Protein backbone atom coordinates (compact mmCIF):
# COMPACT_ATOMS: atom_id res chain seq x y z
CA UNK A 1 44.70 -8.79 -39.33
CA UNK A 2 40.94 -8.78 -39.43
CA UNK A 3 39.51 -10.40 -42.57
CA UNK A 4 35.95 -10.12 -44.02
CA UNK A 5 33.11 -12.54 -43.51
CA UNK A 6 33.45 -15.51 -45.84
CA UNK A 7 30.93 -17.90 -47.34
CA UNK A 8 31.94 -20.49 -44.84
CA UNK A 9 30.98 -18.02 -42.05
CA UNK A 10 27.49 -17.61 -43.63
CA UNK A 11 27.02 -21.40 -44.03
CA UNK A 12 28.02 -21.87 -40.34
CA UNK A 13 25.50 -19.13 -39.39
CA UNK A 14 22.58 -20.91 -41.10
CA UNK A 15 23.57 -24.35 -39.80
CA UNK A 16 23.34 -23.01 -36.35
CA UNK A 17 20.11 -21.20 -37.14
CA UNK A 18 18.48 -24.36 -38.40
CA UNK A 19 19.15 -25.87 -34.99
CA UNK A 20 17.02 -23.17 -33.31
CA UNK A 21 14.48 -22.73 -36.12
CA UNK A 22 13.34 -26.24 -36.77
CA UNK A 23 10.25 -25.21 -38.77
CA UNK A 24 12.36 -23.21 -41.24
CA UNK A 25 10.29 -20.08 -40.69
CA UNK A 26 13.44 -17.86 -40.70
CA UNK A 27 12.12 -16.20 -37.52
CA UNK A 28 13.48 -16.88 -33.99
CA UNK A 29 11.94 -16.01 -30.64
CA UNK A 30 13.59 -12.94 -29.11
CA UNK A 31 13.95 -14.89 -25.84
CA UNK A 32 16.34 -17.40 -27.58
CA UNK A 33 18.44 -14.79 -29.34
CA UNK A 34 21.08 -14.56 -26.65
CA UNK A 35 21.63 -18.27 -26.63
CA UNK A 36 21.77 -18.41 -30.47
CA UNK A 37 24.53 -15.76 -30.94
CA UNK A 38 26.46 -17.47 -28.08
CA UNK A 39 26.31 -20.76 -30.00
CA UNK A 40 27.76 -19.28 -33.30
CA UNK A 41 31.44 -19.66 -34.15
CA UNK A 42 33.90 -16.91 -34.72
CA UNK A 43 33.83 -14.33 -36.13
CA UNK A 44 30.00 -13.76 -35.74
CA UNK A 45 29.82 -15.20 -32.25
CA UNK A 46 28.79 -12.98 -29.31
CA UNK A 47 29.77 -14.89 -26.13
CA UNK A 48 27.38 -14.66 -23.13
CA UNK A 49 26.67 -12.47 -21.35
CA UNK A 50 25.64 -10.57 -24.32
CA UNK A 51 22.43 -8.88 -23.34
CA UNK A 52 23.82 -5.27 -23.47
CA UNK A 53 25.52 -5.98 -26.75
CA UNK A 54 22.40 -7.20 -28.37
CA UNK A 55 20.75 -4.04 -27.21
CA UNK A 56 23.38 -1.79 -28.75
CA UNK A 57 23.07 -3.66 -32.11
CA UNK A 58 19.49 -2.52 -32.35
CA UNK A 59 18.09 -5.63 -33.98
CA UNK A 60 14.65 -5.22 -35.47
CA UNK A 61 11.85 -7.00 -33.59
CA UNK A 62 8.58 -8.06 -35.37
CA UNK A 63 5.20 -8.63 -33.91
CA UNK A 64 5.13 -11.67 -31.62
CA UNK A 65 8.64 -10.81 -30.27
CA UNK A 66 10.50 -12.54 -33.03
CA UNK A 67 13.63 -11.55 -35.09
CA UNK A 68 14.42 -12.48 -38.65
CA UNK A 69 17.53 -14.39 -39.58
CA UNK A 70 18.80 -11.88 -42.19
CA UNK A 71 18.41 -8.91 -39.74
CA UNK A 72 20.47 -10.77 -37.16
CA UNK A 73 23.06 -11.70 -39.75
CA UNK A 74 23.27 -8.15 -40.92
CA UNK A 75 23.95 -6.74 -37.52
CA UNK A 76 26.49 -9.44 -36.53
CA UNK A 77 28.40 -8.79 -39.79
CA UNK A 78 28.36 -5.13 -39.20
CA UNK A 79 29.45 -5.66 -35.69
CA UNK A 80 32.41 -7.72 -36.79
CA UNK A 81 33.42 -5.48 -39.62
CA UNK A 82 32.72 -2.24 -37.86
CA UNK A 83 30.62 -0.99 -40.77
CA UNK A 84 26.98 -0.23 -41.42
CA UNK A 85 26.64 -1.64 -44.97
CA UNK A 86 23.87 -4.08 -45.69
CA UNK A 87 25.25 -7.58 -46.25
CA UNK A 88 22.02 -9.23 -47.22
CA UNK A 89 22.87 -8.68 -50.93
CA UNK A 90 25.67 -11.10 -50.58
CA UNK A 91 23.25 -13.82 -49.39
CA UNK A 92 21.43 -14.28 -52.72
CA UNK A 93 22.18 -17.93 -52.99
CA UNK A 94 21.05 -18.62 -49.46
CA UNK A 95 17.54 -19.66 -48.60
CA UNK A 96 15.45 -16.61 -47.64
CA UNK A 97 12.35 -18.17 -46.17
CA UNK A 98 9.11 -16.10 -45.82
CA UNK A 99 9.26 -12.41 -46.86
CA UNK A 100 9.76 -10.15 -43.92
CA UNK A 101 6.97 -7.90 -45.33
CA UNK A 102 4.46 -10.46 -44.14
CA UNK A 103 5.36 -9.57 -40.57
CA UNK A 104 4.80 -6.20 -39.18
CA UNK A 105 7.91 -4.47 -37.61
CA UNK A 106 7.10 -3.68 -34.02
CA UNK A 107 10.28 -2.27 -32.52
CA UNK A 108 13.97 -3.03 -32.04
CA UNK A 109 16.26 -4.18 -29.23
CA UNK A 110 17.32 -0.60 -28.53
CA UNK A 111 13.72 0.74 -28.56
CA UNK A 112 12.57 -2.24 -26.38
CA UNK A 113 15.23 -1.32 -23.88
CA UNK A 114 14.15 2.19 -23.84
CA UNK A 115 10.50 1.20 -23.42
CA UNK A 116 11.38 -1.12 -20.57
CA UNK A 117 13.45 1.58 -18.92
CA UNK A 118 10.79 4.19 -19.28
CA UNK A 119 8.18 1.80 -18.03
CA UNK A 120 10.16 1.06 -14.85
CA UNK A 121 10.61 4.80 -14.17
CA UNK A 122 6.88 5.33 -14.59
CA UNK A 123 6.01 2.35 -12.31
CA UNK A 124 8.50 3.49 -9.72
CA UNK A 125 7.20 7.06 -9.72
CA UNK A 126 3.63 5.73 -9.57
CA UNK A 127 4.37 3.44 -6.59
CA UNK A 128 6.07 6.35 -4.78
CA UNK A 129 3.13 8.52 -5.44
CA UNK A 130 0.70 5.90 -4.16
CA UNK A 131 2.78 5.57 -0.97
CA UNK A 132 2.86 9.31 -0.52
CA UNK A 133 -0.80 9.46 -1.08
CA UNK A 134 -1.46 6.93 1.59
CA UNK A 135 0.79 8.67 4.01
CA UNK A 136 -0.96 11.99 3.37
CA UNK A 137 -4.40 10.43 3.91
CA UNK A 138 -3.24 8.73 7.14
CA UNK A 139 -1.64 12.00 8.41
CA UNK A 140 -5.01 13.87 7.61
CA UNK A 141 -7.11 11.22 9.33
CA UNK A 142 -5.07 11.29 12.41
CA UNK A 143 -5.04 15.08 12.50
CA UNK A 144 -8.84 15.11 12.11
CA UNK A 145 -9.13 12.62 14.89
CA UNK A 146 -7.10 14.69 17.28
CA UNK A 147 -9.12 17.85 16.49
CA UNK A 148 -12.34 15.96 17.04
CA UNK A 149 -11.14 14.62 20.37
CA UNK A 150 -10.01 18.04 21.50
CA UNK A 151 -13.44 19.52 20.87
CA UNK A 152 -15.40 16.90 22.70
CA UNK A 153 -16.90 18.16 25.96
CA UNK A 154 -18.33 15.84 28.63
CA UNK A 155 -21.94 16.77 29.33
CA UNK A 156 -22.92 16.87 33.05
CA UNK A 157 -24.87 13.89 34.43
CA UNK A 158 -28.43 14.51 33.45
CA UNK A 159 -29.74 11.57 35.40
CA UNK A 160 -32.34 12.90 37.74
CA UNK A 161 -32.42 11.33 41.08
CA UNK A 162 -36.13 10.74 41.99
CA UNK A 163 -36.12 11.97 45.42
CA UNK A 164 -39.20 13.39 47.18
CA UNK A 165 -38.22 16.75 48.59
CA UNK A 166 -39.60 17.47 52.08
CA UNK A 167 -42.77 19.64 52.02
CA UNK A 168 -42.36 23.04 53.35
CA UNK A 169 -45.25 22.60 55.82
CA UNK A 170 -43.59 19.50 57.24
CA UNK A 171 -40.78 21.42 58.81
CA UNK A 172 -42.88 23.69 60.99
CA UNK A 173 -45.08 20.72 61.93
CA UNK A 174 -42.06 18.92 63.08
CA UNK A 175 -40.83 21.82 65.00
CA UNK A 176 -44.24 22.38 66.59
CA UNK A 177 -44.33 18.72 67.60
CA UNK A 178 -40.97 18.94 69.20
CA UNK A 179 -41.98 22.21 70.93
CA UNK A 180 -45.22 20.69 72.17
CA UNK A 181 -43.33 17.70 73.50
CA UNK A 182 -40.87 19.95 75.25
CA UNK A 183 -43.65 22.25 76.65
CA UNK A 184 -45.71 19.20 77.78
CA UNK A 185 -42.86 17.75 79.57
CA UNK A 186 -41.98 21.05 81.24
CA UNK A 187 -45.61 21.63 82.38
CA UNK A 188 -45.83 18.18 83.82
CA UNK A 189 -42.51 18.65 85.72
CA UNK A 190 -43.70 21.99 87.06
CA UNK A 191 -46.95 20.62 88.17
CA UNK A 192 -45.28 17.82 90.11
CA UNK A 193 -42.94 20.33 91.79
CA UNK A 194 -45.95 22.46 92.82
CA UNK A 195 -47.72 19.46 94.40
CA UNK A 196 -44.68 18.64 96.30
CA UNK A 197 -44.37 22.12 97.67
CA UNK A 198 -47.99 22.21 98.70
CA UNK A 199 -47.52 18.89 100.58
CA UNK A 200 -44.55 20.28 102.40
CA UNK A 201 -46.47 23.43 103.39
CA UNK A 202 -49.44 21.60 104.95
CA UNK A 203 -49.21 20.76 108.74
CA UNK A 204 -48.63 17.19 109.65
CA UNK A 205 -51.71 15.16 110.12
CA UNK A 206 -52.18 14.18 113.81
CA UNK A 207 -52.72 10.49 114.42
CA UNK A 208 -53.77 10.96 118.00
CA UNK A 209 -57.46 11.07 119.00
């Protein structure tokens, strides 16, 4: 049968706490809380892994990510007894350390978990949006490049070949020269033929006296 938390349980709790809080500040770094509750003895011990359990206990967290010894004792006792009553009133004869009012309450383990969860969702959504934006810009750039390439027309070669065109009067001159050459040759040939005919028509010269 489950029994209540005894004075011996409270003493055990503070003995273990002093091992973690060597300066006696009554505050413990949140990063060491899991190890601390795993070091406790029954009935207050929360064996590791206890990360999810500490979140559900909704332990107050102060600025600087620290937890107070009485807050931790409260939630551990409530977890064991299955109640929500404040047990700090039973600890009047125990050392209290600095007043918690000197430290500003920042959040709790439950709220911190929600904050971390929301932050991861936002970061994931933002990274996804950045990736999508890059893909959209790449697609637009490729589409614009294709359109530009399709509109490019190759201009004809504008290099002018510096050639001197033949003058119009050179052609007739050349034709005339060829004609004259042909005519001259024909005239000379005709004249030679006529001379030969005349020689044939003349009587033979007598060599006798």
